[in-house]
């Protein structure tokens, strides 16, 4: 398990839980609830729209959209954290460079 990978995933998971929690409590009108549902996947939605695949999203329910967009992002965040942690571990394992010897 990569601690740094989990550290990168945790704030995103908290943000998703907060946004879905606000919607579940029924706070605000329908437009604000829609905005809170879109916030956690807004970056992914922009990329999909830029690729011209916006019409495909019309048929997705919110749980399906979260599964489609959030899962790969968690995998990428965890992998980035694991790679950084591995790089730091390798760097710590190297002997210090001696100059003038």
N, C-alpha and C. Protein backbone atom coordinates (compact mmCIF):
# COMPACT_ATOMS: atom_id res chain seq x y z
N UNK A 1 0.83 -1.18 0.00
CA UNK A 1 0.00 0.00 0.00
C UNK A 1 0.88 1.25 0.00
N UNK A 2 0.52 2.15 -0.82
CA UNK A 2 1.25 3.40 -0.92
C UNK A 2 0.56 4.46 -0.05
N UNK A 3 1.27 4.93 0.96
CA UNK A 3 0.70 5.96 1.83
C UNK A 3 0.50 7.26 1.07
N UNK A 4 1.46 7.61 0.23
CA UNK A 4 1.35 8.85 -0.52
C UNK A 4 0.22 8.76 -1.54
N UNK A 5 0.02 7.59 -2.14
CA UNK A 5 -1.10 7.39 -3.05
C UNK A 5 -2.43 7.58 -2.35
N UNK A 6 -2.55 7.03 -1.14
CA UNK A 6 -3.78 7.22 -0.36
C UNK A 6 -3.94 8.67 0.07
N UNK A 7 -2.82 9.33 0.36
CA UNK A 7 -2.86 10.74 0.73
C UNK A 7 -3.38 11.60 -0.41
N UNK A 8 -3.05 11.25 -1.65
CA UNK A 8 -3.56 11.99 -2.80
C UNK A 8 -5.04 11.70 -3.05
N UNK A 9 -5.50 10.50 -2.76
CA UNK A 9 -6.90 10.13 -2.99
C UNK A 9 -7.85 10.67 -1.93
N UNK A 10 -7.37 10.85 -0.71
CA UNK A 10 -8.23 11.22 0.41
C UNK A 10 -8.95 12.56 0.23
N UNK A 11 -8.26 13.65 -0.16
CA UNK A 11 -9.01 14.92 -0.31
C UNK A 11 -10.10 14.85 -1.39
N UNK A 12 -9.82 14.13 -2.46
CA UNK A 12 -10.82 14.00 -3.52
C UNK A 12 -12.03 13.20 -3.02
N UNK A 13 -11.77 12.15 -2.25
CA UNK A 13 -12.86 11.35 -1.70
C UNK A 13 -13.70 12.18 -0.72
N UNK A 14 -13.05 12.99 0.11
CA UNK A 14 -13.78 13.85 1.05
C UNK A 14 -14.62 14.87 0.29
N UNK A 15 -14.06 15.43 -0.78
CA UNK A 15 -14.80 16.40 -1.60
C UNK A 15 -16.04 15.76 -2.22
N UNK A 16 -15.91 14.54 -2.73
CA UNK A 16 -17.05 13.84 -3.32
C UNK A 16 -18.12 13.58 -2.25
N UNK A 17 -17.70 13.10 -1.09
CA UNK A 17 -18.65 12.81 -0.02
C UNK A 17 -19.37 14.08 0.42
N UNK A 18 -18.64 15.19 0.51
CA UNK A 18 -19.26 16.45 0.91
C UNK A 18 -20.29 16.92 -0.12
N UNK A 19 -19.93 16.85 -1.39
CA UNK A 19 -20.86 17.31 -2.44
C UNK A 19 -22.11 16.43 -2.50
N UNK A 20 -21.94 15.14 -2.46
CA UNK A 20 -23.09 14.23 -2.50
C UNK A 20 -23.91 14.36 -1.22
N UNK A 21 -23.23 14.59 -0.10
CA UNK A 21 -23.94 14.79 1.17
C UNK A 21 -24.81 16.03 1.14
N UNK A 22 -24.31 17.11 0.57
CA UNK A 22 -25.11 18.34 0.47
C UNK A 22 -26.35 18.10 -0.38
N UNK A 23 -26.19 17.37 -1.47
CA UNK A 23 -27.34 17.07 -2.33
C UNK A 23 -28.32 16.15 -1.60
N UNK A 24 -27.80 15.17 -0.86
CA UNK A 24 -28.66 14.23 -0.14
C UNK A 24 -29.47 14.90 0.95
N UNK A 25 -28.93 15.96 1.54
CA UNK A 25 -29.66 16.68 2.58
C UNK A 25 -30.76 17.56 2.02
N UNK A 26 -30.76 17.73 0.70
CA UNK A 26 -31.80 18.51 0.06
C UNK A 26 -31.59 20.01 0.17
N UNK A 27 -30.36 20.41 0.39
CA UNK A 27 -30.07 21.84 0.53
C UNK A 27 -30.15 22.51 -0.84
N UNK A 28 -30.85 23.62 -0.90
CA UNK A 28 -30.90 24.39 -2.14
C UNK A 28 -31.95 23.90 -3.12
N UNK A 29 -31.98 24.57 -4.24
CA UNK A 29 -32.94 24.20 -5.29
C UNK A 29 -32.31 23.17 -6.22
N UNK A 30 -33.05 22.80 -7.26
CA UNK A 30 -32.58 21.77 -8.19
C UNK A 30 -31.31 22.19 -8.92
N UNK A 31 -31.20 23.46 -9.28
CA UNK A 31 -30.01 23.93 -10.01
C UNK A 31 -28.76 23.82 -9.15
N UNK A 32 -28.86 24.17 -7.88
CA UNK A 32 -27.69 24.07 -7.01
C UNK A 32 -27.35 22.61 -6.71
N UNK A 33 -28.35 21.75 -6.62
CA UNK A 33 -28.07 20.34 -6.41
C UNK A 33 -27.35 19.74 -7.62
N UNK A 34 -27.77 20.15 -8.81
CA UNK A 34 -27.10 19.70 -10.03
C UNK A 34 -25.65 20.18 -10.05
N UNK A 35 -25.44 21.41 -9.64
CA UNK A 35 -24.07 21.95 -9.60
C UNK A 35 -23.20 21.17 -8.63
N UNK A 36 -23.75 20.84 -7.46
CA UNK A 36 -22.97 20.07 -6.49
C UNK A 36 -22.68 18.66 -6.99
N UNK A 37 -23.59 18.07 -7.76
CA UNK A 37 -23.32 16.75 -8.33
C UNK A 37 -22.25 16.82 -9.42
N UNK A 38 -22.21 17.93 -10.14
CA UNK A 38 -21.24 18.06 -11.23
C UNK A 38 -19.84 18.45 -10.76
N UNK A 39 -19.74 19.09 -9.61
CA UNK A 39 -18.44 19.59 -9.16
C UNK A 39 -17.34 18.53 -9.10
N UNK A 40 -17.57 17.36 -8.49
CA UNK A 40 -16.47 16.40 -8.40
C UNK A 40 -15.99 15.84 -9.75
N UNK A 41 -16.85 15.88 -10.76
CA UNK A 41 -16.44 15.34 -12.06
C UNK A 41 -16.39 16.42 -13.14
N UNK A 42 -16.31 17.68 -12.72
CA UNK A 42 -16.33 18.78 -13.68
C UNK A 42 -15.15 18.73 -14.65
N UNK A 43 -13.97 18.43 -14.15
CA UNK A 43 -12.79 18.36 -15.02
C UNK A 43 -12.93 17.28 -16.08
N UNK A 44 -13.43 16.14 -15.68
CA UNK A 44 -13.62 15.05 -16.63
C UNK A 44 -14.71 15.39 -17.64
N UNK A 45 -15.76 16.08 -17.19
CA UNK A 45 -16.83 16.47 -18.11
C UNK A 45 -16.33 17.46 -19.16
N UNK A 46 -15.44 18.36 -18.77
CA UNK A 46 -14.87 19.31 -19.73
C UNK A 46 -14.08 18.57 -20.80
N UNK A 47 -13.30 17.58 -20.39
CA UNK A 47 -12.51 16.81 -21.36
C UNK A 47 -13.43 16.05 -22.31
N UNK A 48 -14.48 15.44 -21.78
CA UNK A 48 -15.42 14.69 -22.62
C UNK A 48 -16.11 15.62 -23.61
N UNK A 49 -16.51 16.80 -23.16
CA UNK A 49 -17.15 17.76 -24.06
C UNK A 49 -16.17 18.23 -25.13
N UNK A 50 -14.91 18.45 -24.77
CA UNK A 50 -13.90 18.89 -25.73
C UNK A 50 -13.64 17.82 -26.79
N UNK A 51 -13.79 16.57 -26.41
CA UNK A 51 -13.60 15.48 -27.37
C UNK A 51 -14.84 15.25 -28.24
N UNK A 52 -15.90 15.98 -27.97
CA UNK A 52 -17.12 15.85 -28.77
C UNK A 52 -17.99 14.68 -28.37
N UNK A 53 -17.83 14.19 -27.16
CA UNK A 53 -18.61 13.04 -26.70
C UNK A 53 -19.72 13.44 -25.73
N UNK A 54 -20.12 14.70 -25.76
CA UNK A 54 -21.12 15.19 -24.83
C UNK A 54 -22.47 14.51 -24.95
N UNK A 55 -22.84 14.14 -26.16
CA UNK A 55 -24.14 13.48 -26.35
C UNK A 55 -24.19 12.12 -25.68
N UNK A 56 -23.07 11.47 -25.55
CA UNK A 56 -23.04 10.16 -24.89
C UNK A 56 -23.35 10.29 -23.40
N UNK A 57 -23.09 11.45 -22.82
CA UNK A 57 -23.34 11.66 -21.40
C UNK A 57 -24.82 11.82 -21.08
N UNK A 58 -25.62 12.16 -22.08
CA UNK A 58 -27.04 12.37 -21.84
C UNK A 58 -27.75 11.12 -21.33
N UNK A 59 -27.20 9.97 -21.64
CA UNK A 59 -27.85 8.71 -21.28
C UNK A 59 -27.31 8.10 -20.00
N UNK A 60 -26.32 8.76 -19.38
CA UNK A 60 -25.73 8.23 -18.16
C UNK A 60 -26.47 8.76 -16.93
N UNK A 61 -26.71 7.87 -15.98
CA UNK A 61 -27.23 8.32 -14.69
C UNK A 61 -26.04 8.84 -13.87
N UNK A 62 -26.32 9.54 -12.76
CA UNK A 62 -25.24 10.08 -11.95
C UNK A 62 -24.36 8.98 -11.35
N UNK A 63 -24.92 7.88 -10.83
CA UNK A 63 -24.03 6.82 -10.33
C UNK A 63 -23.14 6.24 -11.44
N UNK A 64 -23.69 6.10 -12.64
CA UNK A 64 -22.87 5.59 -13.75
C UNK A 64 -21.78 6.58 -14.13
N UNK A 65 -22.11 7.87 -14.13
CA UNK A 65 -21.11 8.89 -14.47
C UNK A 65 -20.00 8.92 -13.44
N UNK A 66 -20.35 8.81 -12.16
CA UNK A 66 -19.33 8.78 -11.12
C UNK A 66 -18.45 7.54 -11.27
N UNK A 67 -19.06 6.39 -11.55
CA UNK A 67 -18.28 5.18 -11.75
C UNK A 67 -17.35 5.28 -12.95
N UNK A 68 -17.83 5.92 -14.00
CA UNK A 68 -17.04 6.06 -15.22
C UNK A 68 -15.89 7.04 -15.05
N UNK A 69 -16.10 8.12 -14.33
CA UNK A 69 -15.09 9.17 -14.24
C UNK A 69 -14.26 9.15 -12.96
N UNK A 70 -14.86 8.80 -11.85
CA UNK A 70 -14.16 8.86 -10.58
C UNK A 70 -13.19 7.70 -10.40
N UNK A 71 -13.59 6.51 -10.79
CA UNK A 71 -12.74 5.34 -10.60
C UNK A 71 -11.39 5.48 -11.31
N UNK A 72 -11.35 5.85 -12.59
CA UNK A 72 -10.04 6.02 -13.22
C UNK A 72 -9.21 7.14 -12.58
N UNK A 73 -9.86 8.19 -12.09
CA UNK A 73 -9.11 9.26 -11.45
C UNK A 73 -8.50 8.79 -10.14
N UNK A 74 -9.22 7.99 -9.37
CA UNK A 74 -8.64 7.41 -8.15
C UNK A 74 -7.45 6.52 -8.49
N UNK A 75 -7.56 5.74 -9.54
CA UNK A 75 -6.45 4.88 -9.95
C UNK A 75 -5.24 5.74 -10.35
N UNK A 76 -5.48 6.80 -11.11
CA UNK A 76 -4.38 7.69 -11.51
C UNK A 76 -3.76 8.40 -10.32
N UNK A 77 -4.57 8.90 -9.40
CA UNK A 77 -4.03 9.57 -8.21
C UNK A 77 -3.20 8.61 -7.37
N UNK A 78 -3.71 7.40 -7.18
CA UNK A 78 -2.98 6.41 -6.39
C UNK A 78 -1.68 6.02 -7.07
N UNK A 79 -1.73 5.82 -8.39
CA UNK A 79 -0.52 5.45 -9.13
C UNK A 79 0.51 6.57 -9.08
N UNK A 80 0.07 7.82 -9.21
CA UNK A 80 1.00 8.95 -9.13
C UNK A 80 1.65 9.00 -7.76
N UNK A 81 0.87 8.80 -6.72
CA UNK A 81 1.42 8.78 -5.37
C UNK A 81 2.39 7.63 -5.15
N UNK A 82 2.06 6.47 -5.69
CA UNK A 82 2.95 5.32 -5.55
C UNK A 82 4.26 5.54 -6.30
N UNK A 83 4.17 6.14 -7.48
CA UNK A 83 5.40 6.43 -8.23
C UNK A 83 6.27 7.46 -7.52
N UNK A 84 5.66 8.48 -6.98
CA UNK A 84 6.42 9.48 -6.22
C UNK A 84 7.06 8.85 -5.00
N UNK A 85 6.31 8.03 -4.30
CA UNK A 85 6.84 7.36 -3.12
C UNK A 85 8.00 6.44 -3.48
N UNK A 86 7.86 5.74 -4.58
CA UNK A 86 8.93 4.85 -5.03
C UNK A 86 10.18 5.65 -5.40
N UNK A 87 9.98 6.78 -6.09
CA UNK A 87 11.11 7.63 -6.46
C UNK A 87 11.82 8.19 -5.25
N UNK A 88 11.05 8.60 -4.24
CA UNK A 88 11.66 9.11 -3.01
C UNK A 88 12.40 8.01 -2.27
N UNK A 89 11.86 6.81 -2.26
CA UNK A 89 12.53 5.69 -1.60
C UNK A 89 13.84 5.36 -2.29
N UNK A 90 13.85 5.40 -3.61
CA UNK A 90 15.09 5.16 -4.35
C UNK A 90 16.11 6.25 -4.07
N UNK A 91 15.63 7.47 -4.01
CA UNK A 91 16.53 8.60 -3.77
C UNK A 91 17.16 8.51 -2.38
N UNK A 92 16.39 8.10 -1.41
CA UNK A 92 16.92 7.94 -0.05
C UNK A 92 17.95 6.82 0.02
N UNK A 93 17.78 5.83 -0.84
CA UNK A 93 18.68 4.68 -0.81
C UNK A 93 20.01 4.93 -1.49
N UNK A 94 20.14 6.00 -2.24
CA UNK A 94 21.40 6.30 -2.93
C UNK A 94 22.41 6.86 -1.95
N UNK A 95 23.66 6.49 -2.19
CA UNK A 95 24.75 7.01 -1.36
C UNK A 95 24.99 8.48 -1.73
N UNK A 96 25.35 9.29 -0.74
CA UNK A 96 25.63 10.70 -1.05
C UNK A 96 26.85 10.82 -1.95
N UNK A 97 26.81 11.80 -2.83
CA UNK A 97 27.91 12.03 -3.77
C UNK A 97 29.02 12.77 -3.04
N UNK A 98 30.25 12.21 -3.14
CA UNK A 98 31.40 12.85 -2.53
C UNK A 98 32.15 13.64 -3.57
N UNK A 99 32.42 14.86 -3.26
CA UNK A 99 33.15 15.69 -4.22
C UNK A 99 34.60 15.81 -3.77
N UNK A 100 35.49 15.85 -4.74
CA UNK A 100 36.91 16.05 -4.47
C UNK A 100 37.63 14.81 -3.97
N UNK A 101 37.09 13.63 -4.15
CA UNK A 101 37.77 12.42 -3.69
C UNK A 101 38.45 11.73 -4.83
